[in-house]
Amino acid sequence: MRAITQRSFGAPDVLEVTDLPRPAPLPSEVLVRVHAAGVNPVDAAVRSGAFPLIGRPPFVLGWDISGVVEEVVPGVTRFRAGDEVFGMPFFPRAANGYAEYVAVPSRQLARKPAALDHVQAAALPLAGLTAWQSLIDAARVEPGQRVLIHGGGGGVGHLAIQIAKAHGAHVVTTASAGKHDFVRGLGADEAVDYRTTDFADAVRDADVVLDTIGGDYGRRSIPVLRPGGLLVTVVDRTDTDLKAATESAGRRFAGITVEPDHVGLEALAALAATSRLTPHVGHALPLADAAGAHALIESGRTQGKIVLTL
C-alpha cells in the first residue's frame, strides 16, 4: 500500500511516498481502506521533532481517517465489510493514518454520517472530539451560558462554535477581521478582532473560556470569567502555574488531552446528520502532497481544516 513516511525529523519535505505492507487487523480490530486523512497541527509538531510524541522516525503520521471497512476480524460485531466509518484511532500512540489502509480497534470508530463526504468526515475526529470533550464532557455547556472560544476560525475553534451553539450557548470568539464573516456564519454571536481589540476589555462574565491558542491567552482569560467560571485549555493543560492562578482567582481550570471515543464520535455524527455541525475544509490535497499540507498548516493562515485525499 502507499503511505507517507519520514526517515528523520525536519521540514515538510522529509515526508515521502513509500510502499509498505498492508496491516493485518488484530482481534477487536477492523481493516479500513482510507479515503481521506485529516491533517492537524500536532502532526506537524511531531514531524518536526518539536513534539516527539511517537518516538523517533521512521514512522507514519496521521490520526484522522474516514473510509470503508475492508475486513472484519471474527468477533467484532459493530461493523461489517462495506460500512463507511470515521475516527481518530490510538491517539496519542501512532495510528499510521497517512496510508491507504489502517487497522483500527472497532470501538474507536463510528459510522460516517451520510450528510458528510469522506473529506469532511476526515476533518472531524481529532478537532471535533477536542471541542466536544472540552465543552460538553468537561464544561457541560448549557443553554444561555456565555462561552468565549479563542481561535474560532481554526480547526478546533470552528467546530467548537457549532457545538456550543447546538447546546444553546451565547458564543463569543476571537478571530482576525478577515474571518469574522466565517465565524458568524458558523453561529458566533460576537467576534472580537484580536489584532485591534484586547478581548479582556471586550468580554465579561463568561461561563466558559476555551483556549485553543496558548501563550498568554489562558492567563489573560481569567478575569473574563465570572466567579466560578471554567477555563478550559487544550494547549497548556499541564501548566500548574496557570491552574493555580485560575483557582486563586475563584475560577475553575481544566486541561484537556483528546481521547479516542466512539460515543463522542457518534454525538458529533448526530449533530452533522441534522446539519448542526459541518466541518469546513479549507484545503484538500492528494496524499502525495502531504508536504504541501504541512506547509499550509504551519503557515498559520488556514481556515478550518486540511485533508489529504486517497
C-alpha atoms as a PDB file:
ATOM      1  CA  MET A   1       0.000   0.000   0.000  1.00  0.00           C
ATOM      2  CA  ARG A   2       1.019   3.638  -0.416  1.00  0.00           C
ATOM      3  CA  ALA A   3       1.844   5.543   2.744  1.00  0.00           C
ATOM      4  CA  ILE A   4       3.591   8.744   3.744  1.00  0.00           C
ATOM      5  CA  THR A   5       6.677   8.087   5.838  1.00  0.00           C
ATOM      6  CA  GLN A   6       9.607  10.086   7.153  1.00  0.00           C
ATOM      7  CA  ARG A   7      13.102   8.894   7.999  1.00  0.00           C
ATOM      8  CA  SER A   8      14.132  11.922  10.068  1.00  0.00           C
ATOM      9  CA  PHE A   9      12.693  14.899  11.891  1.00  0.00           C
ATOM     10  CA  GLY A  10      12.646  18.088   9.856  1.00  0.00           C
ATOM     11  CA  ALA A  11      10.794  20.401   7.497  1.00  0.00           C
ATOM     12  CA  PRO A  12       7.750  19.244   5.475  1.00  0.00           C
ATOM     13  CA  ASP A  13       9.974  17.877   2.728  1.00  0.00           C
ATOM     14  CA  VAL A  14      11.012  14.936   4.929  1.00  0.00           C
ATOM     15  CA  LEU A  15       7.587  13.444   4.123  1.00  0.00           C
ATOM     16  CA  GLU A  16       7.742  10.998   1.235  1.00  0.00           C
ATOM     17  CA  VAL A  17       5.524   8.461  -0.504  1.00  0.00           C
ATOM     18  CA  THR A  18       6.636   4.890   0.170  1.00  0.00           C
ATOM     19  CA  ASP A  19       5.288   1.374  -0.286  1.00  0.00           C
ATOM     20  CA  LEU A  20       4.531  -0.516   2.942  1.00  0.00           C
ATOM     21  CA  PRO A  21       2.900  -3.867   3.725  1.00  0.00           C
ATOM     22  CA  ARG A  22      -0.835  -3.692   4.280  1.00  0.00           C
ATOM     23  CA  PRO A  23      -1.555  -4.027   8.037  1.00  0.00           C
ATOM     24  CA  ALA A  24      -3.300  -7.137   9.349  1.00  0.00           C
ATOM     25  CA  PRO A  25      -6.052  -6.380  11.882  1.00  0.00           C
ATOM     26  CA  LEU A  26      -5.764  -7.995  15.316  1.00  0.00           C
ATOM     27  CA  PRO A  27      -8.661  -9.328  17.422  1.00  0.00           C
ATOM     28  CA  SER A  28     -11.140  -6.473  18.132  1.00  0.00           C
ATOM     29  CA  GLU A  29      -9.938  -4.583  15.029  1.00  0.00           C
ATOM     30  CA  VAL A  30     -11.191  -3.868  11.533  1.00  0.00           C
ATOM     31  CA  LEU A  31      -9.178  -3.024   8.424  1.00  0.00           C
ATOM     32  CA  VAL A  32     -10.222   0.304   6.917  1.00  0.00           C
ATOM     33  CA  ARG A  33      -9.494   1.378   3.363  1.00  0.00           C
ATOM     34  CA  VAL A  34      -8.806   5.072   3.885  1.00  0.00           C
ATOM     35  CA  HIS A  35     -10.488   7.557   1.549  1.00  0.00           C
ATOM     36  CA  ALA A  36      -9.306  10.706   3.336  1.00  0.00           C
ATOM     37  CA  ALA A  37      -6.974  11.584   6.222  1.00  0.00           C
ATOM     38  CA  GLY A  38      -7.126  14.775   8.261  1.00  0.00           C
ATOM     39  CA  VAL A  39      -4.056  16.902   8.950  1.00  0.00           C
ATOM     40  CA  ASN A  40      -3.710  18.562  12.358  1.00  0.00           C
ATOM     41  CA  PRO A  41      -1.190  20.913  13.995  1.00  0.00           C
ATOM     42  CA  VAL A  42       0.003  18.047  16.185  1.00  0.00           C
ATOM     43  CA  ASP A  43       1.042  16.184  13.020  1.00  0.00           C
ATOM     44  CA  ALA A  44       3.392  18.999  12.052  1.00  0.00           C
ATOM     45  CA  ALA A  45       4.789  19.242  15.577  1.00  0.00           C
ATOM     46  CA  VAL A  46       5.539  15.514  15.628  1.00  0.00           C
ATOM     47  CA  ARG A  47       7.061  15.623  12.142  1.00  0.00           C
ATOM     48  CA  SER A  48       9.430  18.455  13.032  1.00  0.00           C
ATOM     49  CA  GLY A  49      10.577  16.870  16.288  1.00  0.00           C
ATOM     50  CA  ALA A  50       9.173  19.738  18.369  1.00  0.00           C
ATOM     51  CA  PHE A  51       6.748  17.261  19.985  1.00  0.00           C
ATOM     52  CA  PRO A  52       8.237  13.742  19.685  1.00  0.00           C
ATOM     53  CA  LEU A  53       5.012  12.063  20.721  1.00  0.00           C
ATOM     54  CA  ILE A  54       5.568   8.744  18.957  1.00  0.00           C
ATOM     55  CA  GLY A  55       9.341   8.444  19.281  1.00  0.00           C
ATOM     56  CA  ARG A  56      11.935   8.833  16.580  1.00  0.00           C
ATOM     57  CA  PRO A  57      11.428   8.158  12.843  1.00  0.00           C
ATOM     58  CA  PRO A  58      10.823   6.219  10.768  1.00  0.00           C
ATOM     59  CA  PHE A  59       7.060   6.378  11.246  1.00  0.00           C
ATOM     60  CA  VAL A  60       3.774   7.167   9.520  1.00  0.00           C
ATOM     61  CA  LEU A  61       1.882  10.208  10.749  1.00  0.00           C
ATOM     62  CA  GLY A  62      -1.848  10.798  10.919  1.00  0.00           C
ATOM     63  CA  TRP A  63      -4.790  10.086  13.225  1.00  0.00           C
ATOM     64  CA  ASP A  64      -7.926  11.391  11.499  1.00  0.00           C
ATOM     65  CA  ILE A  65      -9.351   8.941   8.978  1.00  0.00           C
ATOM     66  CA  SER A  66     -12.532   8.329   7.017  1.00  0.00           C
ATOM     67  CA  GLY A  67     -13.009   5.296   4.818  1.00  0.00           C
ATOM     68  CA  VAL A  68     -14.701   1.953   4.236  1.00  0.00           C
ATOM     69  CA  VAL A  69     -14.366  -1.224   6.291  1.00  0.00           C
ATOM     70  CA  GLU A  70     -12.464  -3.735   4.172  1.00  0.00           C
ATOM     71  CA  GLU A  71     -12.118  -6.620   6.621  1.00  0.00           C
ATOM     72  CA  VAL A  72     -13.651  -7.529   9.978  1.00  0.00           C
ATOM     73  CA  VAL A  73     -11.898  -9.884  12.410  1.00  0.00           C
ATOM     74  CA  PRO A  74     -14.293 -12.592  13.677  1.00  0.00           C
ATOM     75  CA  GLY A  75     -15.787 -11.500  16.983  1.00  0.00           C
ATOM     76  CA  VAL A  76     -16.202  -7.836  16.028  1.00  0.00           C
ATOM     77  CA  THR A  77     -19.921  -7.059  15.925  1.00  0.00           C
ATOM     78  CA  ARG A  78     -20.098  -3.267  15.451  1.00  0.00           C
ATOM     79  CA  PHE A  79     -19.270  -3.207  11.728  1.00  0.00           C
ATOM     80  CA  ARG A  80     -19.413  -5.231   8.544  1.00  0.00           C
ATOM     81  CA  ALA A  81     -17.333  -5.042   5.395  1.00  0.00           C
ATOM     82  CA  GLY A  82     -18.552  -2.134   3.297  1.00  0.00           C
ATOM     83  CA  ASP A  83     -19.556   0.119   6.213  1.00  0.00           C
ATOM     84  CA  GLU A  84     -18.424   3.735   5.930  1.00  0.00           C
ATOM     85  CA  VAL A  85     -16.625   4.800   9.114  1.00  0.00           C
ATOM     86  CA  PHE A  86     -14.534   7.601  10.572  1.00  0.00           C
ATOM     87  CA  GLY A  87     -12.426   8.052  13.673  1.00  0.00           C
ATOM     88  CA  MET A  88      -9.216   9.014  15.460  1.00  0.00           C
ATOM     89  CA  PRO A  89      -7.593   5.705  16.412  1.00  0.00           C
ATOM     90  CA  PHE A  90      -4.889   5.135  19.006  1.00  0.00           C
ATOM     91  CA  PHE A  91      -4.121   8.782  19.864  1.00  0.00           C
ATOM     92  CA  PRO A  92      -1.606   9.620  21.346  1.00  0.00           C
ATOM     93  CA  ARG A  93       0.102   6.470  20.045  1.00  0.00           C
ATOM     94  CA  ALA A  94       0.854   6.087  16.342  1.00  0.00           C
ATOM     95  CA  ALA A  95      -2.165   5.319  14.161  1.00  0.00           C
ATOM     96  CA  ASN A  96      -0.471   5.440  10.726  1.00  0.00           C
ATOM     97  CA  GLY A  97      -3.326   7.422   9.217  1.00  0.00           C
ATOM     98  CA  TYR A  98      -1.488   8.763   6.158  1.00  0.00           C
ATOM     99  CA  ALA A  99      -1.870   5.445   4.351  1.00  0.00           C
ATOM    100  CA  GLU A 100      -4.220   3.535   2.094  1.00  0.00           C
ATOM    101  CA  TYR A 101      -5.130   1.036   4.829  1.00  0.00           C
ATOM    102  CA  VAL A 102      -5.278   1.275   8.621  1.00  0.00           C
ATOM    103  CA  ALA A 103      -6.058  -1.421  11.187  1.00  0.00           C
ATOM    104  CA  VAL A 104      -8.287   0.104  13.886  1.00  0.00           C
ATOM    105  CA  PRO A 105      -9.980  -1.072  17.107  1.00  0.00           C
ATOM    106  CA  SER A 106     -13.658  -1.170  16.200  1.00  0.00           C
ATOM    107  CA  ARG A 107     -14.678   0.819  19.276  1.00  0.00           C
ATOM    108  CA  GLN A 108     -12.523   3.751  18.204  1.00  0.00           C
ATOM    109  CA  LEU A 109     -14.655   4.238  15.086  1.00  0.00           C
ATOM    110  CA  ALA A 110     -18.183   5.411  14.335  1.00  0.00           C
ATOM    111  CA  ARG A 111     -20.359   5.221  11.256  1.00  0.00           C
ATOM    112  CA  LYS A 112     -19.798   8.129   8.916  1.00  0.00           C
ATOM    113  CA  PRO A 113     -22.896  10.321   8.763  1.00  0.00           C
ATOM    114  CA  ALA A 114     -24.454  10.343   5.292  1.00  0.00           C
ATOM    115  CA  ALA A 115     -24.557  14.150   5.435  1.00  0.00           C
ATOM    116  CA  LEU A 116     -20.746  14.286   5.207  1.00  0.00           C
ATOM    117  CA  ASP A 117     -18.490  13.013   2.443  1.00  0.00           C
ATOM    118  CA  HIS A 118     -15.229  11.296   3.345  1.00  0.00           C
ATOM    119  CA  VAL A 119     -13.194  14.506   3.074  1.00  0.00           C
ATOM    120  CA  GLN A 120     -15.466  16.318   5.529  1.00  0.00           C
ATOM    121  CA  ALA A 121     -15.626  13.300   7.841  1.00  0.00           C
ATOM    122  CA  ALA A 122     -11.825  13.041   7.943  1.00  0.00           C
ATOM    123  CA  ALA A 123     -11.717  16.668   9.086  1.00  0.00           C
ATOM    124  CA  LEU A 124     -13.878  15.952  12.109  1.00  0.00           C
ATOM    125  CA  PRO A 125     -12.465  13.400  14.601  1.00  0.00           C
ATOM    126  CA  LEU A 126      -9.461  14.954  16.392  1.00  0.00           C
ATOM    127  CA  ALA A 127     -10.648  18.565  16.302  1.00  0.00           C
ATOM    128  CA  GLY A 128     -14.277  17.630  16.877  1.00  0.00           C
ATOM    129  CA  LEU A 129     -13.532  15.348  19.817  1.00  0.00           C
ATOM    130  CA  THR A 130     -11.264  18.007  21.304  1.00  0.00           C
ATOM    131  CA  ALA A 131     -14.089  20.524  21.154  1.00  0.00           C
ATOM    132  CA  TRP A 132     -16.704  18.021  22.384  1.00  0.00           C
ATOM    133  CA  GLN A 133     -14.627  16.757  25.299  1.00  0.00           C
ATOM    134  CA  SER A 134     -13.819  20.355  26.277  1.00  0.00           C
ATOM    135  CA  LEU A 135     -17.268  21.919  26.013  1.00  0.00           C
ATOM    136  CA  ILE A 136     -19.601  19.017  26.745  1.00  0.00           C
ATOM    137  CA  ASP A 137     -17.671  16.468  28.821  1.00  0.00           C
ATOM    138  CA  ALA A 138     -15.630  18.970  30.858  1.00  0.00           C
ATOM    139  CA  ALA A 139     -17.635  22.216  30.805  1.00  0.00           C
ATOM    140  CA  ARG A 140     -21.146  20.742  30.406  1.00  0.00           C
ATOM    141  CA  VAL A 141     -22.254  23.785  28.434  1.00  0.00           C
ATOM    142  CA  GLU A 142     -25.917  24.634  28.935  1.00  0.00           C
ATOM    143  CA  PRO A 143     -28.445  26.883  27.176  1.00  0.00           C
ATOM    144  CA  GLY A 144     -27.953  30.559  27.937  1.00  0.00           C
ATOM    145  CA  GLN A 145     -24.342  30.302  29.069  1.00  0.00           C
ATOM    146  CA  ARG A 146     -21.737  32.678  27.675  1.00  0.00           C
ATOM    147  CA  VAL A 147     -18.841  30.837  26.029  1.00  0.00           C
ATOM    148  CA  LEU A 148     -15.660  32.507  24.747  1.00  0.00           C
ATOM    149  CA  ILE A 149     -13.789  30.445  22.150  1.00  0.00           C
ATOM    150  CA  HIS A 150     -10.291  31.559  21.233  1.00  0.00           C
ATOM    151  CA  GLY A 151      -9.285  30.902  17.632  1.00  0.00           C
ATOM    152  CA  GLY A 152     -12.773  30.472  16.205  1.00  0.00           C
ATOM    153  CA  GLY A 153     -11.520  30.241  12.632  1.00  0.00           C
ATOM    154  CA  GLY A 154      -9.218  27.288  13.309  1.00  0.00           C
ATOM    155  CA  GLY A 155      -9.719  23.543  13.222  1.00  0.00           C
ATOM    156  CA  VAL A 156     -10.918  23.085  16.812  1.00  0.00           C
ATOM    157  CA  GLY A 157     -12.409  26.557  17.116  1.00  0.00           C
ATOM    158  CA  HIS A 158     -14.779  26.437  14.140  1.00  0.00           C
ATOM    159  CA  LEU A 159     -16.225  23.146  15.361  1.00  0.00           C
ATOM    160  CA  ALA A 160     -16.407  24.371  18.949  1.00  0.00           C
ATOM    161  CA  ILE A 161     -18.543  27.333  17.854  1.00  0.00           C
ATOM    162  CA  GLN A 162     -21.062  24.997  16.245  1.00  0.00           C
ATOM    163  CA  ILE A 163     -21.116  22.585  19.184  1.00  0.00           C
ATOM    164  CA  ALA A 164     -21.643  25.397  21.695  1.00  0.00           C
ATOM    165  CA  LYS A 165     -24.446  26.891  19.582  1.00  0.00           C
ATOM    166  CA  ALA A 166     -26.083  23.483  19.195  1.00  0.00           C
ATOM    167  CA  HIS A 167     -26.235  23.371  23.010  1.00  0.00           C
ATOM    168  CA  GLY A 168     -27.852  26.790  23.296  1.00  0.00           C
ATOM    169  CA  ALA A 169     -24.850  28.916  24.324  1.00  0.00           C
ATOM    170  CA  HIS A 170     -24.177  32.563  23.530  1.00  0.00           C
ATOM    171  CA  VAL A 171     -20.854  32.322  21.694  1.00  0.00           C
ATOM    172  CA  VAL A 172     -18.114  34.937  21.572  1.00  0.00           C
ATOM    173  CA  THR A 173     -14.972  34.174  19.600  1.00  0.00           C
ATOM    174  CA  THR A 174     -11.615  35.749  18.843  1.00  0.00           C
ATOM    175  CA  ALA A 175     -10.624  35.757  15.177  1.00  0.00           C
ATOM    176  CA  SER A 176      -8.935  38.048  12.690  1.00  0.00           C
ATOM    177  CA  ALA A 177     -11.256  40.509  10.941  1.00  0.00           C
ATOM    178  CA  GLY A 178     -10.992  38.542   7.709  1.00  0.00           C
ATOM    179  CA  LYS A 179     -12.597  35.533   9.413  1.00  0.00           C
ATOM    180  CA  HIS A 180     -15.493  37.375  11.068  1.00  0.00           C
ATOM    181  CA  ASP A 181     -17.999  36.555   8.332  1.00  0.00           C
ATOM    182  CA  PHE A 182     -16.886  32.923   8.514  1.00  0.00           C
ATOM    183  CA  VAL A 183     -17.284  32.571  12.286  1.00  0.00           C
ATOM    184  CA  ARG A 184     -20.596  34.438  12.292  1.00  0.00           C
ATOM    185  CA  GLY A 185     -21.798  32.083   9.586  1.00  0.00           C
ATOM    186  CA  LEU A 186     -20.994  29.209  11.944  1.00  0.00           C
ATOM    187  CA  GLY A 187     -23.208  30.771  14.608  1.00  0.00           C
ATOM    188  CA  ALA A 188     -20.910  33.033  16.649  1.00  0.00           C
ATOM    189  CA  ASP A 189     -22.926  35.816  18.280  1.00  0.00           C
ATOM    190  CA  GLU A 190     -19.917  38.110  18.728  1.00  0.00           C
ATOM    191  CA  ALA A 191     -16.493  38.222  17.080  1.00  0.00           C
ATOM    192  CA  VAL A 192     -13.503  40.077  18.519  1.00  0.00           C
ATOM    193  CA  ASP A 193     -10.617  41.035  16.228  1.00  0.00           C
ATOM    194  CA  TYR A 194      -7.619  40.080  18.364  1.00  0.00           C
ATOM    195  CA  ARG A 195      -5.350  42.276  16.215  1.00  0.00           C
ATOM    196  CA  THR A 196      -7.136  45.514  17.084  1.00  0.00           C
ATOM    197  CA  THR A 197      -9.035  44.752  20.300  1.00  0.00           C
ATOM    198  CA  ASP A 198      -7.984  43.253  23.616  1.00  0.00           C
ATOM    199  CA  PHE A 199     -10.550  40.550  24.279  1.00  0.00           C
ATOM    200  CA  ALA A 200     -10.035  41.082  28.027  1.00  0.00           C
ATOM    201  CA  ASP A 201     -11.579  44.535  27.603  1.00  0.00           C
ATOM    202  CA  ALA A 202     -14.348  43.379  25.280  1.00  0.00           C
ATOM    203  CA  VAL A 203     -15.673  40.293  27.076  1.00  0.00           C
ATOM    204  CA  ARG A 204     -17.073  39.920  30.581  1.00  0.00           C
ATOM    205  CA  ASP A 205     -18.923  37.337  32.683  1.00  0.00           C
ATOM    206  CA  ALA A 206     -18.135  34.302  30.541  1.00  0.00           C
ATOM    207  CA  ASP A 207     -19.223  30.981  31.992  1.00  0.00           C
ATOM    208  CA  VAL A 208     -16.639  29.084  29.942  1.00  0.00           C
ATOM    209  CA  VAL A 209     -13.476  30.033  28.061  1.00  0.00           C
ATOM    210  CA  LEU A 210     -11.984  27.540  25.604  1.00  0.00           C
ATOM    211  CA  ASP A 211      -8.345  28.337  24.824  1.00  0.00           C
ATOM    212  CA  THR A 212      -7.001  26.747  21.648  1.00  0.00           C
ATOM    213  CA  ILE A 213      -4.136  29.260  21.245  1.00  0.00           C
ATOM    214  CA  GLY A 214      -1.899  29.057  24.315  1.00  0.00           C
ATOM    215  CA  GLY A 215       0.792  31.595  25.197  1.00  0.00           C
ATOM    216  CA  ASP A 216      -0.675  34.297  27.416  1.00  0.00           C
ATOM    217  CA  TYR A 217      -4.274  33.688  26.304  1.00  0.00           C
ATOM    218  CA  GLY A 218      -5.090  31.489  29.264  1.00  0.00           C
ATOM    219  CA  ARG A 219      -3.845  33.898  31.925  1.00  0.00           C
ATOM    220  CA  ARG A 220      -5.479  36.883  30.200  1.00  0.00           C
ATOM    221  CA  SER A 221      -8.755  34.969  30.116  1.00  0.00           C
ATOM    222  CA  ILE A 222      -9.053  34.568  33.890  1.00  0.00           C
ATOM    223  CA  PRO A 223     -10.705  37.978  34.568  1.00  0.00           C
ATOM    224  CA  VAL A 224     -13.037  37.439  31.600  1.00  0.00           C
ATOM    225  CA  LEU A 225     -14.679  34.566  33.503  1.00  0.00           C
ATOM    226  CA  ARG A 226     -17.418  35.100  36.043  1.00  0.00           C
ATOM    227  CA  PRO A 227     -16.602  33.873  39.567  1.00  0.00           C
ATOM    228  CA  GLY A 228     -16.810  30.094  39.433  1.00  0.00           C
ATOM    229  CA  GLY A 229     -16.435  30.079  35.649  1.00  0.00           C
ATOM    230  CA  LEU A 230     -14.297  27.480  33.897  1.00  0.00           C
ATOM    231  CA  LEU A 231     -11.103  27.959  31.878  1.00  0.00           C
ATOM    232  CA  VAL A 232     -10.571  25.006  29.535  1.00  0.00           C
ATOM    233  CA  THR A 233      -7.244  24.787  27.733  1.00  0.00           C
ATOM    234  CA  VAL A 234      -6.245  22.264  25.099  1.00  0.00           C
ATOM    235  CA  VAL A 235      -2.736  23.760  24.882  1.00  0.00           C
ATOM    236  CA  ASP A 236      -1.468  24.499  28.404  1.00  0.00           C
ATOM    237  CA  ARG A 237      -3.092  21.531  30.110  1.00  0.00           C
ATOM    238  CA  THR A 238      -0.014  20.800  32.270  1.00  0.00           C
ATOM    239  CA  ASP A 239       0.658  24.422  33.277  1.00  0.00           C
ATOM    240  CA  THR A 240       0.452  24.236  37.062  1.00  0.00           C
ATOM    241  CA  ASP A 241       1.063  27.977  37.440  1.00  0.00           C
ATOM    242  CA  LEU A 242      -1.893  28.755  35.190  1.00  0.00           C
ATOM    243  CA  LYS A 243      -4.053  26.305  37.120  1.00  0.00           C
ATOM    244  CA  ALA A 244      -3.033  27.896  40.424  1.00  0.00           C
ATOM    245  CA  ALA A 245      -3.652  31.442  39.139  1.00  0.00           C
ATOM    246  CA  THR A 246      -7.082  30.443  37.826  1.00  0.00           C
ATOM    247  CA  GLU A 247      -8.152  28.800  41.053  1.00  0.00           C
ATOM    248  CA  SER A 248      -6.747  31.546  43.289  1.00  0.00           C
ATOM    249  CA  ALA A 249      -8.940  33.990  41.351  1.00  0.00           C
ATOM    250  CA  GLY A 250     -12.010  31.947  42.215  1.00  0.00           C
ATOM    251  CA  ARG A 251     -12.349  30.310  38.813  1.00  0.00           C
ATOM    252  CA  ARG A 252     -12.033  26.668  37.775  1.00  0.00           C
ATOM    253  CA  PHE A 253      -9.437  25.082  35.490  1.00  0.00           C
ATOM    254  CA  ALA A 254      -9.494  22.064  33.159  1.00  0.00           C
ATOM    255  CA  GLY A 255      -6.696  20.865  30.894  1.00  0.00           C
ATOM    256  CA  ILE A 256      -7.847  18.605  28.073  1.00  0.00           C
ATOM    257  CA  THR A 257      -5.998  15.907  26.141  1.00  0.00           C
ATOM    258  CA  VAL A 258      -8.209  14.482  23.414  1.00  0.00           C
ATOM    259  CA  GLU A 259      -9.009  10.765  23.651  1.00  0.00           C
ATOM    260  CA  PRO A 260     -10.407   8.243  21.161  1.00  0.00           C
ATOM    261  CA  ASP A 261     -14.097   7.877  21.966  1.00  0.00           C
ATOM    262  CA  HIS A 262     -16.771   6.300  19.780  1.00  0.00           C
ATOM    263  CA  VAL A 263     -19.502   7.777  21.986  1.00  0.00           C
ATOM    264  CA  GLY A 264     -18.229  11.284  21.280  1.00  0.00           C
ATOM    265  CA  LEU A 265     -17.848  10.464  17.576  1.00  0.00           C
ATOM    266  CA  GLU A 266     -21.457   9.277  17.453  1.00  0.00           C
ATOM    267  CA  ALA A 267     -22.604  12.508  19.122  1.00  0.00           C
ATOM    268  CA  LEU A 268     -20.697  14.540  16.532  1.00  0.00           C
ATOM    269  CA  ALA A 269     -22.185  12.405  13.755  1.00  0.00           C
ATOM    270  CA  ALA A 270     -25.677  13.053  15.127  1.00  0.00           C
ATOM    271  CA  LEU A 271     -25.095  16.812  15.002  1.00  0.00           C
ATOM    272  CA  ALA A 272     -23.784  16.505  11.445  1.00  0.00           C
ATOM    273  CA  ALA A 273     -26.782  14.420  10.426  1.00  0.00           C
ATOM    274  CA  THR A 274     -29.119  17.244  11.482  1.00  0.00           C
ATOM    275  CA  SER A 275     -26.999  19.981   9.837  1.00  0.00           C
ATOM    276  CA  ARG A 276     -25.971  21.492  13.172  1.00  0.00           C
ATOM    277  CA  LEU A 277     -22.285  20.668  12.616  1.00  0.00           C
ATOM    278  CA  THR A 278     -20.360  20.895   9.349  1.00  0.00           C
ATOM    279  CA  PRO A 279     -16.561  20.664   9.202  1.00  0.00           C
ATOM    280  CA  HIS A 280     -15.076  23.329   6.958  1.00  0.00           C
ATOM    281  CA  VAL A 281     -12.283  22.005   4.746  1.00  0.00           C
ATOM    282  CA  GLY A 282     -10.067  24.864   3.678  1.00  0.00           C
ATOM    283  CA  HIS A 283      -7.749  22.679   1.586  1.00  0.00           C
ATOM    284  CA  ALA A 284      -7.993  19.130   0.232  1.00  0.00           C
ATOM    285  CA  LEU A 285      -4.735  17.823  -1.243  1.00  0.00           C
ATOM    286  CA  PRO A 286      -3.727  14.415  -2.626  1.00  0.00           C
ATOM    287  CA  LEU A 287      -1.856  12.068  -0.298  1.00  0.00           C
ATOM    288  CA  ALA A 288       1.351  12.545  -2.295  1.00  0.00           C
ATOM    289  CA  ASP A 289       1.310  16.237  -1.385  1.00  0.00           C
ATOM    290  CA  ALA A 290       1.471  15.691   2.373  1.00  0.00           C
ATOM    291  CA  ALA A 291       4.451  18.057   2.484  1.00  0.00           C
ATOM    292  CA  GLY A 292       2.315  20.795   0.951  1.00  0.00           C
ATOM    293  CA  ALA A 293      -0.401  20.163   3.513  1.00  0.00           C
ATOM    294  CA  HIS A 294       2.122  20.516   6.329  1.00  0.00           C
ATOM    295  CA  ALA A 295       3.478  23.747   4.864  1.00  0.00           C
ATOM    296  CA  LEU A 296      -0.075  25.110   4.793  1.00  0.00           C
ATOM    297  CA  ILE A 297      -0.845  24.174   8.381  1.00  0.00           C
ATOM    298  CA  GLU A 298       2.419  25.698   9.597  1.00  0.00           C
ATOM    299  CA  SER A 299       1.613  28.971   7.815  1.00  0.00           C
ATOM    300  CA  GLY A 300      -0.990  29.721  10.494  1.00  0.00           C
ATOM    301  CA  ARG A 301      -3.265  31.283   7.892  1.00  0.00           C
ATOM    302  CA  THR A 302      -5.585  28.397   7.163  1.00  0.00           C
ATOM    303  CA  GLN A 303      -9.327  28.450   7.801  1.00  0.00           C
ATOM    304  CA  GLY A 304     -10.949  25.297   9.091  1.00  0.00           C
ATOM    305  CA  LYS A 305      -9.204  22.004   8.318  1.00  0.00           C
ATOM    306  CA  ILE A 306      -6.723  20.488   5.844  1.00  0.00           C
ATOM    307  CA  VAL A 307      -7.367  16.994   4.475  1.00  0.00           C
ATOM    308  CA  LEU A 308      -5.395  14.516   2.369  1.00  0.00           C
ATOM    309  CA  THR A 309      -7.355  12.529  -0.218  1.00  0.00           C
ATOM    310  CA  LEU A 310      -6.656   8.995  -1.398  1.00  0.00           C
END
